[in-house]
Amino acid sequence: MPTVRPRHAITETDAVAAALEAAARKWPEDRDRPARLLARLVAIGFHTIEIELDEKAFERRRALEQFAGSLTGVYEPGYLDALRAEWPD
């Protein structure tokens, strides 16, 4: 089918063959269409990664919110200026 979009070649390694076999069991209507099975596998993989990344971002935000302000008052005013004054010119 003609397209202006990039195409990608993939070698059917043992792992790819196993993934295609599993995909064919899940979507038997596409058993004879490996490109369609691969596209479905990519879509599921993409969705899974998006969820994982969103969860990690949520965990980071939660940790930041939990510890935000926890060091308030630890360093007295002028601390950085005093520290920098000790540095050689």
N, C-alpha and C. Protein backbone atom coordinates (compact mmCIF):
# COMPACT_ATOMS: atom_id res chain seq x y z
N MET A 1 0.85 -1.17 0.00
CA MET A 1 0.00 0.00 0.00
C MET A 1 0.90 1.24 0.00
N PRO A 2 0.65 2.18 -0.89
CA PRO A 2 1.46 3.40 -0.96
C PRO A 2 1.31 4.25 0.30
N THR A 3 2.40 4.87 0.71
CA THR A 3 2.37 5.73 1.88
C THR A 3 3.53 6.71 1.79
N VAL A 4 3.37 7.85 2.41
CA VAL A 4 4.47 8.82 2.50
C VAL A 4 5.17 8.67 3.85
N ARG A 5 4.67 7.80 4.69
CA ARG A 5 5.23 7.60 6.03
C ARG A 5 6.39 6.62 5.97
N PRO A 6 7.33 6.72 6.90
CA PRO A 6 8.46 5.78 6.91
C PRO A 6 7.98 4.36 7.17
N ARG A 7 8.70 3.42 6.59
CA ARG A 7 8.43 2.00 6.84
C ARG A 7 9.60 1.44 7.64
N HIS A 8 9.33 0.38 8.38
CA HIS A 8 10.37 -0.22 9.22
C HIS A 8 10.40 -1.72 8.97
N ALA A 9 11.59 -2.26 8.85
CA ALA A 9 11.75 -3.70 8.67
C ALA A 9 12.08 -4.32 10.02
N ILE A 10 11.58 -5.51 10.26
CA ILE A 10 11.86 -6.21 11.51
C ILE A 10 12.16 -7.67 11.18
N THR A 11 13.22 -8.18 11.77
CA THR A 11 13.60 -9.57 11.57
C THR A 11 12.83 -10.44 12.54
N GLU A 12 12.34 -11.56 12.05
CA GLU A 12 11.57 -12.46 12.92
C GLU A 12 12.52 -13.32 13.75
N THR A 13 12.96 -12.74 14.85
CA THR A 13 13.78 -13.47 15.81
C THR A 13 12.88 -14.44 16.57
N ASP A 14 13.47 -15.24 17.44
CA ASP A 14 12.65 -16.16 18.24
C ASP A 14 11.65 -15.39 19.09
N ALA A 15 12.08 -14.26 19.65
CA ALA A 15 11.19 -13.45 20.49
C ALA A 15 10.04 -12.86 19.66
N VAL A 16 10.36 -12.39 18.47
CA VAL A 16 9.32 -11.81 17.60
C VAL A 16 8.36 -12.91 17.17
N ALA A 17 8.88 -14.08 16.84
CA ALA A 17 8.02 -15.20 16.44
C ALA A 17 7.08 -15.59 17.58
N ALA A 18 7.61 -15.63 18.81
CA ALA A 18 6.77 -15.97 19.96
C ALA A 18 5.70 -14.91 20.18
N ALA A 19 6.07 -13.64 20.01
CA ALA A 19 5.09 -12.56 20.16
C ALA A 19 4.01 -12.66 19.10
N LEU A 20 4.39 -12.96 17.87
CA LEU A 20 3.42 -13.11 16.78
C LEU A 20 2.49 -14.30 17.05
N GLU A 21 3.06 -15.36 17.57
CA GLU A 21 2.25 -16.54 17.87
C GLU A 21 1.22 -16.22 18.95
N ALA A 22 1.64 -15.52 20.00
CA ALA A 22 0.71 -15.13 21.06
C ALA A 22 -0.34 -14.17 20.53
N ALA A 23 0.09 -13.23 19.70
CA ALA A 23 -0.85 -12.26 19.13
C ALA A 23 -1.87 -12.96 18.24
N ALA A 24 -1.43 -13.97 17.51
CA ALA A 24 -2.36 -14.72 16.65
C ALA A 24 -3.40 -15.47 17.48
N ARG A 25 -3.02 -15.92 18.67
CA ARG A 25 -4.00 -16.57 19.55
C ARG A 25 -5.00 -15.54 20.08
N LYS A 26 -4.52 -14.33 20.36
CA LYS A 26 -5.42 -13.28 20.88
C LYS A 26 -6.33 -12.73 19.78
N TRP A 27 -5.77 -12.54 18.59
CA TRP A 27 -6.52 -12.00 17.45
C TRP A 27 -6.49 -12.98 16.29
N PRO A 28 -7.21 -14.08 16.39
CA PRO A 28 -7.16 -15.11 15.35
C PRO A 28 -7.60 -14.61 13.97
N GLU A 29 -8.41 -13.56 13.95
CA GLU A 29 -8.84 -13.01 12.65
C GLU A 29 -7.67 -12.41 11.86
N ASP A 30 -6.58 -12.11 12.54
CA ASP A 30 -5.40 -11.55 11.88
C ASP A 30 -4.24 -12.54 11.81
N ARG A 31 -4.51 -13.80 12.06
CA ARG A 31 -3.46 -14.82 12.10
C ARG A 31 -2.57 -14.79 10.86
N ASP A 32 -3.13 -14.55 9.71
CA ASP A 32 -2.37 -14.55 8.46
C ASP A 32 -1.90 -13.16 8.05
N ARG A 33 -1.97 -12.20 8.96
CA ARG A 33 -1.54 -10.84 8.67
C ARG A 33 -0.53 -10.38 9.73
N PRO A 34 0.73 -10.84 9.61
CA PRO A 34 1.72 -10.51 10.64
C PRO A 34 1.94 -9.01 10.82
N ALA A 35 1.85 -8.24 9.75
CA ALA A 35 2.03 -6.79 9.89
C ALA A 35 0.95 -6.21 10.79
N ARG A 36 -0.26 -6.69 10.64
CA ARG A 36 -1.38 -6.23 11.49
C ARG A 36 -1.15 -6.65 12.94
N LEU A 37 -0.69 -7.88 13.14
CA LEU A 37 -0.39 -8.35 14.49
C LEU A 37 0.71 -7.51 15.13
N LEU A 38 1.75 -7.20 14.36
CA LEU A 38 2.84 -6.37 14.88
C LEU A 38 2.33 -4.98 15.25
N ALA A 39 1.47 -4.41 14.42
CA ALA A 39 0.92 -3.09 14.71
C ALA A 39 0.11 -3.12 16.01
N ARG A 40 -0.65 -4.20 16.23
CA ARG A 40 -1.41 -4.33 17.47
C ARG A 40 -0.47 -4.46 18.67
N LEU A 41 0.59 -5.26 18.51
CA LEU A 41 1.57 -5.43 19.58
C LEU A 41 2.25 -4.11 19.92
N VAL A 42 2.59 -3.34 18.91
CA VAL A 42 3.22 -2.04 19.13
C VAL A 42 2.27 -1.11 19.88
N ALA A 43 1.01 -1.11 19.49
CA ALA A 43 0.02 -0.25 20.15
C ALA A 43 -0.12 -0.61 21.63
N ILE A 44 -0.16 -1.90 21.93
CA ILE A 44 -0.28 -2.33 23.33
C ILE A 44 0.99 -1.98 24.09
N GLY A 45 2.15 -2.20 23.48
CA GLY A 45 3.41 -1.86 24.13
C GLY A 45 3.49 -0.37 24.41
N PHE A 46 3.09 0.44 23.46
CA PHE A 46 3.10 1.89 23.62
C PHE A 46 2.20 2.30 24.78
N HIS A 47 1.01 1.74 24.83
CA HIS A 47 0.06 2.06 25.89
C HIS A 47 0.63 1.67 27.25
N THR A 48 1.24 0.50 27.32
CA THR A 48 1.83 0.02 28.57
C THR A 48 2.94 0.94 29.05
N ILE A 49 3.79 1.37 28.13
CA ILE A 49 4.89 2.27 28.48
C ILE A 49 4.35 3.62 28.93
N GLU A 50 3.34 4.13 28.26
CA GLU A 50 2.74 5.40 28.68
C GLU A 50 2.22 5.33 30.10
N ILE A 51 1.54 4.25 30.43
CA ILE A 51 1.01 4.07 31.79
C ILE A 51 2.15 4.03 32.78
N GLU A 52 3.20 3.27 32.46
CA GLU A 52 4.36 3.15 33.36
C GLU A 52 5.03 4.51 33.58
N LEU A 53 5.21 5.26 32.50
CA LEU A 53 5.83 6.58 32.62
C LEU A 53 4.96 7.53 33.44
N ASP A 54 3.65 7.47 33.22
CA ASP A 54 2.74 8.32 34.00
C ASP A 54 2.80 7.96 35.48
N GLU A 55 2.88 6.66 35.79
CA GLU A 55 2.95 6.23 37.18
C GLU A 55 4.25 6.71 37.83
N LYS A 56 5.36 6.62 37.10
CA LYS A 56 6.63 7.07 37.65
C LYS A 56 6.61 8.58 37.88
N ALA A 57 6.04 9.33 36.95
CA ALA A 57 5.95 10.77 37.10
C ALA A 57 5.07 11.12 38.31
N PHE A 58 3.98 10.38 38.48
CA PHE A 58 3.11 10.61 39.63
C PHE A 58 3.86 10.34 40.93
N GLU A 59 4.63 9.24 40.97
CA GLU A 59 5.40 8.91 42.18
C GLU A 59 6.43 10.00 42.48
N ARG A 60 7.09 10.53 41.44
CA ARG A 60 8.07 11.61 41.65
C ARG A 60 7.39 12.86 42.21
N ARG A 61 6.25 13.22 41.61
CA ARG A 61 5.52 14.40 42.09
C ARG A 61 5.08 14.22 43.54
N ARG A 62 4.58 13.02 43.85
CA ARG A 62 4.13 12.74 45.21
C ARG A 62 5.30 12.86 46.20
N ALA A 63 6.47 12.33 45.82
CA ALA A 63 7.65 12.42 46.69
C ALA A 63 8.06 13.88 46.87
N LEU A 64 8.04 14.65 45.80
CA LEU A 64 8.40 16.07 45.90
C LEU A 64 7.44 16.81 46.82
N GLU A 65 6.15 16.53 46.66
CA GLU A 65 5.16 17.19 47.51
C GLU A 65 5.32 16.77 48.97
N GLN A 66 5.66 15.50 49.20
CA GLN A 66 5.82 14.99 50.55
C GLN A 66 6.98 15.67 51.27
N PHE A 67 8.07 15.91 50.55
CA PHE A 67 9.26 16.47 51.18
C PHE A 67 9.43 17.97 50.96
N ALA A 68 8.54 18.57 50.20
CA ALA A 68 8.63 20.01 49.95
C ALA A 68 8.60 20.77 51.28
N GLY A 69 9.57 21.64 51.45
CA GLY A 69 9.63 22.46 52.65
C GLY A 69 10.24 21.78 53.86
N SER A 70 10.65 20.52 53.71
CA SER A 70 11.17 19.79 54.87
C SER A 70 12.52 20.33 55.34
N LEU A 71 13.21 21.09 54.53
CA LEU A 71 14.50 21.65 54.94
C LEU A 71 14.41 23.15 55.24
N THR A 72 13.18 23.66 55.27
CA THR A 72 12.99 25.07 55.59
C THR A 72 13.57 25.36 56.98
N GLY A 73 14.41 26.40 57.04
CA GLY A 73 15.00 26.79 58.30
C GLY A 73 16.30 26.08 58.64
N VAL A 74 16.70 25.12 57.84
CA VAL A 74 17.95 24.40 58.11
C VAL A 74 19.15 25.31 57.87
N TYR A 75 19.06 26.13 56.83
CA TYR A 75 20.15 27.05 56.51
C TYR A 75 19.72 28.46 56.89
N GLU A 76 20.52 29.08 57.73
CA GLU A 76 20.18 30.43 58.20
C GLU A 76 20.42 31.46 57.09
N PRO A 77 19.77 32.62 57.19
CA PRO A 77 19.96 33.66 56.18
C PRO A 77 21.44 34.02 56.06
N GLY A 78 21.89 34.20 54.84
CA GLY A 78 23.27 34.57 54.57
C GLY A 78 24.21 33.39 54.50
N TYR A 79 23.70 32.17 54.61
CA TYR A 79 24.53 30.97 54.58
C TYR A 79 25.38 30.89 53.31
N LEU A 80 24.76 31.09 52.17
CA LEU A 80 25.51 30.99 50.91
C LEU A 80 26.57 32.08 50.79
N ASP A 81 26.23 33.27 51.21
CA ASP A 81 27.22 34.36 51.15
C ASP A 81 28.43 34.04 52.04
N ALA A 82 28.19 33.51 53.22
CA ALA A 82 29.28 33.15 54.12
C ALA A 82 30.12 32.01 53.54
N LEU A 83 29.46 31.06 52.94
CA LEU A 83 30.16 29.94 52.33
C LEU A 83 31.02 30.42 51.17
N ARG A 84 30.47 31.28 50.34
CA ARG A 84 31.21 31.80 49.18
C ARG A 84 32.39 32.68 49.61
N ALA A 85 32.26 33.34 50.73
CA ALA A 85 33.34 34.19 51.24
C ALA A 85 34.58 33.38 51.59
N GLU A 86 34.38 32.07 51.86
CA GLU A 86 35.50 31.19 52.21
C GLU A 86 36.26 30.73 50.95
N TRP A 87 35.66 30.87 49.78
CA TRP A 87 36.27 30.41 48.55
C TRP A 87 37.42 31.35 48.15
N PRO A 88 38.50 30.79 47.64
CA PRO A 88 39.57 31.66 47.15
C PRO A 88 39.11 32.40 45.89
N ASP A 89 39.65 33.58 45.68
CA ASP A 89 39.26 34.38 44.49
C ASP A 89 39.87 33.87 43.25
